[in-house]
C-alpha atoms as a PDB file:
ATOM      1  CA  MET A   1      50.804  -2.292 -25.193  1.00  0.00           C
ATOM      2  CA  ALA A   2      51.591   0.265 -27.816  1.00  0.00           C
ATOM      3  CA  ARG A   3      53.408  -0.804 -30.945  1.00  0.00           C
ATOM      4  CA  ILE A   4      56.010   1.522 -31.729  1.00  0.00           C
ATOM      5  CA  PRO A   5      57.100   0.797 -35.284  1.00  0.00           C
ATOM      6  CA  MET A   6      60.749   1.286 -35.929  1.00  0.00           C
ATOM      7  CA  SER A   7      62.555   2.732 -38.860  1.00  0.00           C
ATOM      8  CA  PRO A   8      65.853   0.573 -40.342  1.00  0.00           C
ATOM      9  CA  GLY A   9      68.579   2.538 -38.491  1.00  0.00           C
ATOM     10  CA  PRO A  10      69.409   5.865 -39.459  1.00  0.00           C
ATOM     11  CA  ARG A  11      70.641   6.749 -42.788  1.00  0.00           C
ATOM     12  CA  VAL A  12      73.705   9.014 -43.530  1.00  0.00           C
ATOM     13  CA  ALA A  13      73.042  11.583 -45.975  1.00  0.00           C
ATOM     14  CA  PRO A  14      75.597  12.265 -48.847  1.00  0.00           C
ATOM     15  CA  ASP A  15      76.381  15.895 -46.864  1.00  0.00           C
ATOM     16  CA  GLY A  16      77.332  14.020 -43.604  1.00  0.00           C
ATOM     17  CA  GLN A  17      73.917  14.338 -41.954  1.00  0.00           C
ATOM     18  CA  SER A  18      71.850  11.684 -40.537  1.00  0.00           C
ATOM     19  CA  ASN A  19      68.131  10.792 -42.085  1.00  0.00           C
ATOM     20  CA  ILE A  20      66.166   9.287 -39.291  1.00  0.00           C
ATOM     21  CA  LYS A  21      62.614   8.307 -40.633  1.00  0.00           C
ATOM     22  CA  ALA A  22      60.808   8.295 -37.325  1.00  0.00           C
ATOM     23  CA  THR A  23      57.121   7.875 -37.718  1.00  0.00           C
ATOM     24  CA  PRO A  24      54.977  10.115 -34.884  1.00  0.00           C
ATOM     25  CA  ASP A  25      54.258   6.787 -33.024  1.00  0.00           C
ATOM     26  CA  ALA A  26      58.084   6.584 -32.502  1.00  0.00           C
ATOM     27  CA  PHE A  27      57.411   9.547 -30.215  1.00  0.00           C
ATOM     28  CA  GLY A  28      54.394   8.586 -27.853  1.00  0.00           C
ATOM     29  CA  ALA A  29      51.298   8.704 -30.465  1.00  0.00           C
ATOM     30  CA  GLY A  30      50.989   5.125 -30.371  1.00  0.00           C
ATOM     31  CA  VAL A  31      50.797   5.105 -26.582  1.00  0.00           C
ATOM     32  CA  GLY A  32      47.847   8.030 -26.942  1.00  0.00           C
ATOM     33  CA  THR A  33      45.991   6.082 -29.068  1.00  0.00           C
ATOM     34  CA  ALA A  34      46.306   2.895 -27.319  1.00  0.00           C
ATOM     35  CA  THR A  35      45.092   5.068 -24.155  1.00  0.00           C
ATOM     36  CA  ALA A  36      42.207   6.256 -26.148  1.00  0.00           C
ATOM     37  CA  GLY A  37      41.097   2.379 -26.583  1.00  0.00           C
ATOM     38  CA  VAL A  38      41.447   1.899 -23.048  1.00  0.00           C
ATOM     39  CA  GLY A  39      39.016   5.002 -22.273  1.00  0.00           C
ATOM     40  CA  ALA A  40      36.487   4.165 -24.510  1.00  0.00           C
ATOM     41  CA  THR A  41      36.476   0.264 -23.209  1.00  0.00           C
ATOM     42  CA  LEU A  42      36.228   1.687 -19.619  1.00  0.00           C
ATOM     43  CA  ILE A  43      33.611   4.153 -20.427  1.00  0.00           C
ATOM     44  CA  LYS A  44      31.545   1.295 -22.179  1.00  0.00           C
ATOM     45  CA  ALA A  45      31.778  -1.117 -19.038  1.00  0.00           C
ATOM     46  CA  GLY A  46      31.039   1.780 -16.455  1.00  0.00           C
ATOM     47  CA  ASP A  47      27.710   2.504 -18.690  1.00  0.00           C
ATOM     48  CA  GLU A  48      27.209  -1.512 -18.623  1.00  0.00           C
ATOM     49  CA  TRP A  49      27.602  -1.352 -14.744  1.00  0.00           C
ATOM     50  CA  ALA A  50      25.187   1.554 -14.033  1.00  0.00           C
ATOM     51  CA  GLN A  51      22.450  -0.322 -16.217  1.00  0.00           C
ATOM     52  CA  VAL A  52      22.992  -3.563 -14.198  1.00  0.00           C
ATOM     53  CA  ALA A  53      23.027  -1.385 -10.992  1.00  0.00           C
ATOM     54  CA  ALA A  54      19.733   0.114 -12.029  1.00  0.00           C
ATOM     55  CA  LYS A  55      18.401  -2.897 -12.601  1.00  0.00           C
ATOM     56  CA  LEU A  56      19.126  -4.508  -9.367  1.00  0.00           C
ATOM     57  CA  ALA A  57      17.835  -1.527  -7.480  1.00  0.00           C
ATOM     58  CA  ARG A  58      14.501  -1.918  -9.432  1.00  0.00           C
ATOM     59  CA  GLU A  59      14.309  -5.083  -8.827  1.00  0.00           C
ATOM     60  CA  ASP A  60      15.102  -4.531  -5.051  1.00  0.00           C
ATOM     61  CA  GLU A  61      12.334  -1.988  -5.141  1.00  0.00           C
ATOM     62  CA  ILE A  62       9.748  -4.305  -6.879  1.00  0.00           C
ATOM     63  CA  ALA A  63      10.799  -7.236  -3.859  1.00  0.00           C
ATOM     64  CA  ALA A  64      10.227  -4.314  -1.154  1.00  0.00           C
ATOM     65  CA  ARG A  65       6.956  -2.985  -2.478  1.00  0.00           C
ATOM     66  CA  SER A  66       5.558  -6.886  -2.726  1.00  0.00           C
ATOM     67  CA  LYS A  67       6.291  -7.275   0.803  1.00  0.00           C
ATOM     68  CA  LEU A  68       4.514  -4.288   1.902  1.00  0.00           C
ATOM     69  CA  GLN A  69       1.444  -4.758  -0.399  1.00  0.00           C
ATOM     70  CA  THR A  70       1.711  -8.743   1.537  1.00  0.00           C
ATOM     71  CA  GLN A  71       1.974  -7.087   4.965  1.00  0.00           C
ATOM     72  CA  MET A  72      -0.895  -4.431   4.317  1.00  0.00           C
ATOM     73  CA  VAL A  73      -3.281  -7.187   2.616  1.00  0.00           C
ATOM     74  CA  THR A  74      -2.618  -9.738   5.718  1.00  0.00           C
ATOM     75  CA  GLY A  75      -2.962  -6.818   8.039  1.00  0.00           C
ATOM     76  CA  LEU A  76      -6.523  -5.629   6.544  1.00  0.00           C
ATOM     77  CA  SER A  77      -7.505  -8.931   6.576  1.00  0.00           C
ATOM     78  CA  GLU A  78      -6.784  -9.662  10.062  1.00  0.00           C
ATOM     79  CA  LEU A  79      -8.621  -6.643  11.144  1.00  0.00           C
ATOM     80  CA  ARG A  80     -11.902  -7.584   8.770  1.00  0.00           C
ATOM     81  CA  THR A  81     -11.871 -10.689  10.699  1.00  0.00           C
ATOM     82  CA  GLN A  82     -11.768  -9.105  13.907  1.00  0.00           C
ATOM     83  CA  LEU A  83     -14.180  -6.962  12.959  1.00  0.00           C
ATOM     84  CA  ASP A  84     -16.585  -9.283  11.953  1.00  0.00           C
ATOM     85  CA  ALA A  85     -16.371 -11.344  15.194  1.00  0.00           C
ATOM     86  CA  GLU A  86     -17.340  -7.881  16.897  1.00  0.00           C
ATOM     87  CA  THR A  87     -21.386  -7.466  17.203  1.00  0.00           C
ATOM     88  CA  ASP A  88     -21.452  -4.060  18.861  1.00  0.00           C
ATOM     89  CA  PRO A  89     -21.223  -1.611  16.206  1.00  0.00           C
ATOM     90  CA  ASP A  90     -19.670   1.212  18.169  1.00  0.00           C
ATOM     91  CA  LYS A  91     -16.923  -0.973  19.242  1.00  0.00           C
ATOM     92  CA  ILE A  92     -16.705  -2.315  15.386  1.00  0.00           C
ATOM     93  CA  GLN A  93     -16.192   1.717  14.300  1.00  0.00           C
ATOM     94  CA  ALA A  94     -13.414   2.112  17.014  1.00  0.00           C
ATOM     95  CA  LEU A  95     -11.557  -0.875  16.012  1.00  0.00           C
ATOM     96  CA  TRP A  96     -11.825   0.041  12.737  1.00  0.00           C
ATOM     97  CA  THR A  97     -10.329   3.570  13.286  1.00  0.00           C
ATOM     98  CA  GLU A  98      -7.601   2.448  15.706  1.00  0.00           C
ATOM     99  CA  GLY A  99      -6.644  -0.683  13.503  1.00  0.00           C
ATOM    100  CA  GLN A 100      -6.317   1.795  10.216  1.00  0.00           C
ATOM    101  CA  ARG A 101      -4.132   4.139  12.389  1.00  0.00           C
ATOM    102  CA  SER A 102      -2.070   0.811  13.930  1.00  0.00           C
ATOM    103  CA  LEU A 103      -1.622  -0.593  10.300  1.00  0.00           C
ATOM    104  CA  GLN A 104      -0.586   2.680   8.872  1.00  0.00           C
ATOM    105  CA  ASN A 105       2.115   3.048  11.365  1.00  0.00           C
ATOM    106  CA  THR A 106       3.249  -0.573  10.600  1.00  0.00           C
ATOM    107  CA  ILE A 107       3.529   0.030   6.997  1.00  0.00           C
ATOM    108  CA  ARG A 108       5.319   3.342   7.228  1.00  0.00           C
ATOM    109  CA  THR A 109       7.841   1.596   9.636  1.00  0.00           C
ATOM    110  CA  ALA A 110       8.266  -1.489   7.423  1.00  0.00           C
ATOM    111  CA  ALA A 111       9.050   0.734   4.494  1.00  0.00           C
ATOM    112  CA  GLY A 112      12.080   2.174   6.475  1.00  0.00           C
ATOM    113  CA  GLY A 113      13.841   5.387   5.876  1.00  0.00           C
ATOM    114  CA  ASN A 114      13.263   5.262   2.053  1.00  0.00           C
ATOM    115  CA  ARG A 115      11.220   8.097   0.958  1.00  0.00           C
ATOM    116  CA  ARG A 116       9.861   6.484  -2.203  1.00  0.00           C
ATOM    117  CA  GLN A 117       8.375   3.480  -0.488  1.00  0.00           C
ATOM    118  CA  GLN A 118       6.906   5.409   2.026  1.00  0.00           C
ATOM    119  CA  GLU A 119       4.746   7.501  -0.350  1.00  0.00           C
ATOM    120  CA  TRP A 120       3.788   4.617  -2.007  1.00  0.00           C
ATOM    121  CA  ALA A 121       3.020   2.538   0.432  1.00  0.00           C
ATOM    122  CA  THR A 122       0.528   5.295   2.177  1.00  0.00           C
ATOM    123  CA  THR A 123      -0.822   5.727  -1.193  1.00  0.00           C
ATOM    124  CA  GLN A 124      -1.502   1.917  -1.417  1.00  0.00           C
ATOM    125  CA  LEU A 125      -2.899   1.574   1.781  1.00  0.00           C
ATOM    126  CA  GLY A 126      -5.246   4.459   1.362  1.00  0.00           C
ATOM    127  CA  LEU A 127      -6.508   3.003  -1.550  1.00  0.00           C
ATOM    128  CA  GLU A 128      -6.884  -0.459   0.182  1.00  0.00           C
ATOM    129  CA  ILE A 129      -8.960   1.552   3.225  1.00  0.00           C
ATOM    130  CA  ALA A 130     -11.077   3.395   1.072  1.00  0.00           C
ATOM    131  CA  ARG A 131     -12.207  -0.262  -0.511  1.00  0.00           C
ATOM    132  CA  ASP A 132     -12.625  -1.618   2.916  1.00  0.00           C
ATOM    133  CA  GLN A 133     -14.636   1.392   4.317  1.00  0.00           C
ATOM    134  CA  GLN A 134     -17.814   0.675   2.297  1.00  0.00           C
ATOM    135  CA  ALA A 135     -18.099  -2.960   3.588  1.00  0.00           C
ATOM    136  CA  VAL A 136     -17.048  -1.499   6.841  1.00  0.00           C
ATOM    137  CA  GLY A 137     -19.848   1.048   7.033  1.00  0.00           C
ATOM    138  CA  ARG A 138     -22.357  -2.110   5.562  1.00  0.00           C
ATOM    139  CA  LEU A 139     -20.938  -4.055   8.730  1.00  0.00           C
ATOM    140  CA  VAL A 140     -21.925  -1.500  11.230  1.00  0.00           C
ATOM    141  CA  LEU A 141     -25.518  -0.709   9.701  1.00  0.00           C
ATOM    142  CA  GLY A 142     -26.051  -4.332   9.766  1.00  0.00           C
ATOM    143  CA  ARG A 143     -24.900  -4.744  13.218  1.00  0.00           C
ATOM    144  CA  ARG A 144     -27.261  -1.605  14.393  1.00  0.00           C
ATOM    145  CA  ARG A 145     -30.047  -3.162  12.920  1.00  0.00           C
ATOM    146  CA  GLU A 146     -29.700  -6.351  14.232  1.00  0.00           C
ATOM    147  CA  ARG A 147     -29.528  -4.735  17.811  1.00  0.00           C
ATOM    148  CA  ASN A 148     -32.188  -2.137  17.144  1.00  0.00           C
ATOM    149  CA  LEU A 149     -34.304  -5.398  15.670  1.00  0.00           C
ATOM    150  CA  ALA A 150     -33.604  -7.291  19.135  1.00  0.00           C
ATOM    151  CA  GLU A 151     -34.516  -4.301  21.510  1.00  0.00           C
ATOM    152  CA  LEU A 152     -37.526  -3.445  19.616  1.00  0.00           C
ATOM    153  CA  ASN A 153     -38.811  -7.496  19.739  1.00  0.00           C
ATOM    154  CA  ASP A 154     -37.513  -7.653  23.585  1.00  0.00           C
ATOM    155  CA  GLY A 155     -39.777  -4.385  23.838  1.00  0.00           C
ATOM    156  CA  LEU A 156     -42.991  -5.805  22.492  1.00  0.00           C
ATOM    157  CA  PHE A 157     -42.347  -8.936  23.794  1.00  0.00           C
ATOM    158  CA  ALA A 158     -42.576  -7.468  27.544  1.00  0.00           C
ATOM    159  CA  LEU A 159     -45.548  -5.191  26.278  1.00  0.00           C
ATOM    160  CA  ASN A 160     -47.584  -8.622  25.099  1.00  0.00           C
ATOM    161  CA  GLN A 161     -46.873  -9.949  28.603  1.00  0.00           C
ATOM    162  CA  GLN A 162     -48.164  -6.799  30.359  1.00  0.00           C
ATOM    163  CA  VAL A 163     -50.979  -6.681  27.840  1.00  0.00           C
ATOM    164  CA  GLY A 164     -52.107 -10.440  28.574  1.00  0.00           C
ATOM    165  CA  THR A 165     -52.000 -10.313  32.155  1.00  0.00           C
ATOM    166  CA  THR A 166     -54.120  -6.563  32.747  1.00  0.00           C
ATOM    167  CA  ARG A 167     -57.373  -7.063  33.501  1.00  0.00           C
ATOM    168  CA  ASN A 168     -58.308  -3.609  32.990  1.00  0.00           C
ATOM    169  CA  MET A 169     -59.388  -2.669  29.278  1.00  0.00           C
ATOM    170  CA  ASP A 170     -58.296   1.018  29.647  1.00  0.00           C
ATOM    171  CA  ASP A 171     -54.902  -0.362  30.852  1.00  0.00           C
ATOM    172  CA  ARG A 172     -54.419  -2.555  27.730  1.00  0.00           C
ATOM    173  CA  ALA A 173     -55.502  -0.070  25.431  1.00  0.00           C
ATOM    174  CA  ARG A 174     -53.150   2.609  26.687  1.00  0.00           C
ATOM    175  CA  LEU A 175     -50.632  -0.269  26.251  1.00  0.00           C
ATOM    176  CA  LEU A 176     -51.235  -1.465  23.014  1.00  0.00           C
ATOM    177  CA  GLU A 177     -51.225   2.531  22.264  1.00  0.00           C
ATOM    178  CA  THR A 178     -47.491   2.628  23.870  1.00  0.00           C
ATOM    179  CA  GLY A 179     -46.589  -0.800  21.898  1.00  0.00           C
ATOM    180  CA  THR A 180     -47.887   1.051  18.579  1.00  0.00           C
ATOM    181  CA  ALA A 181     -45.874   4.205  18.731  1.00  0.00           C
ATOM    182  CA  GLN A 182     -42.738   2.262  19.332  1.00  0.00           C
ATOM    183  CA  ILE A 183     -43.593   0.191  16.196  1.00  0.00           C
ATOM    184  CA  ALA A 184     -44.075   3.564  14.308  1.00  0.00           C
ATOM    185  CA  ALA A 185     -41.062   5.434  15.927  1.00  0.00           C
ATOM    186  CA  ALA A 186     -38.792   2.263  14.729  1.00  0.00           C
ATOM    187  CA  VAL A 187     -40.408   1.845  10.982  1.00  0.00           C
ATOM    188  CA  THR A 188     -39.950   6.220  10.789  1.00  0.00           C
ATOM    189  CA  ALA A 189     -35.682   5.526  12.512  1.00  0.00           C
ATOM    190  CA  GLY A 190     -36.000   2.899   9.798  1.00  0.00           C
ATOM    191  CA  CYS A 191     -35.047   0.638  12.107  1.00  0.00           C
ATOM    192  CA  ALA A 192     -37.916  -1.730  11.188  1.00  0.00           C
ATOM    193  CA  GLY A 193     -40.050  -2.384   8.209  1.00  0.00           C
ATOM    194  CA  ALA A 194     -38.896  -2.351   4.598  1.00  0.00           C
ATOM    195  CA  ARG A 195     -36.572   0.147   4.701  1.00  0.00           C
ATOM    196  CA  TRP A 196     -33.927  -0.767   7.381  1.00  0.00           C
ATOM    197  CA  ARG A 197     -31.348   2.009   7.942  1.00  0.00           C
ATOM    198  CA  CYS A 198     -30.363   1.612  11.707  1.00  0.00           C
END
């Protein structure tokens, strides 16, 4: 509460007039000064509350991003496990494409209505997918090689049996030419030999 100093009672001057020595505080100036101090205190408290609120908002954002990052890593790990178990390269590619789409939708939904979180999550997931894309490409290539080599081996085995059971030398020569052409085609396509590509 503002203090209002009082002057010691009025004095009567010799001409009969009262001389009241009142200070400006007696007329409310002290109240204004005290109120100014309260206003400054309220402004300082408001600034401190705003800083605390900003810090809490930042901590909430970091926690939400951490949760989204965990969901991304878990989702991609589960997708990789699914891909590793598949032997058909075409199915691997289809699973990868569908898995990406599904994970993107899941992460967008998990980010909620927070646009900044959605943008961050979309960018982060894009980076994670880009890192995995090469590994998936190598997996698909490896599975194609395995499949093509198995088909080539099966064909050569069948050819060997035919050659072994054929008595006519001209028929044997034709079968061997066919086998040689199959091997050459496989080497040219990169499915056999030192530089496998398919």
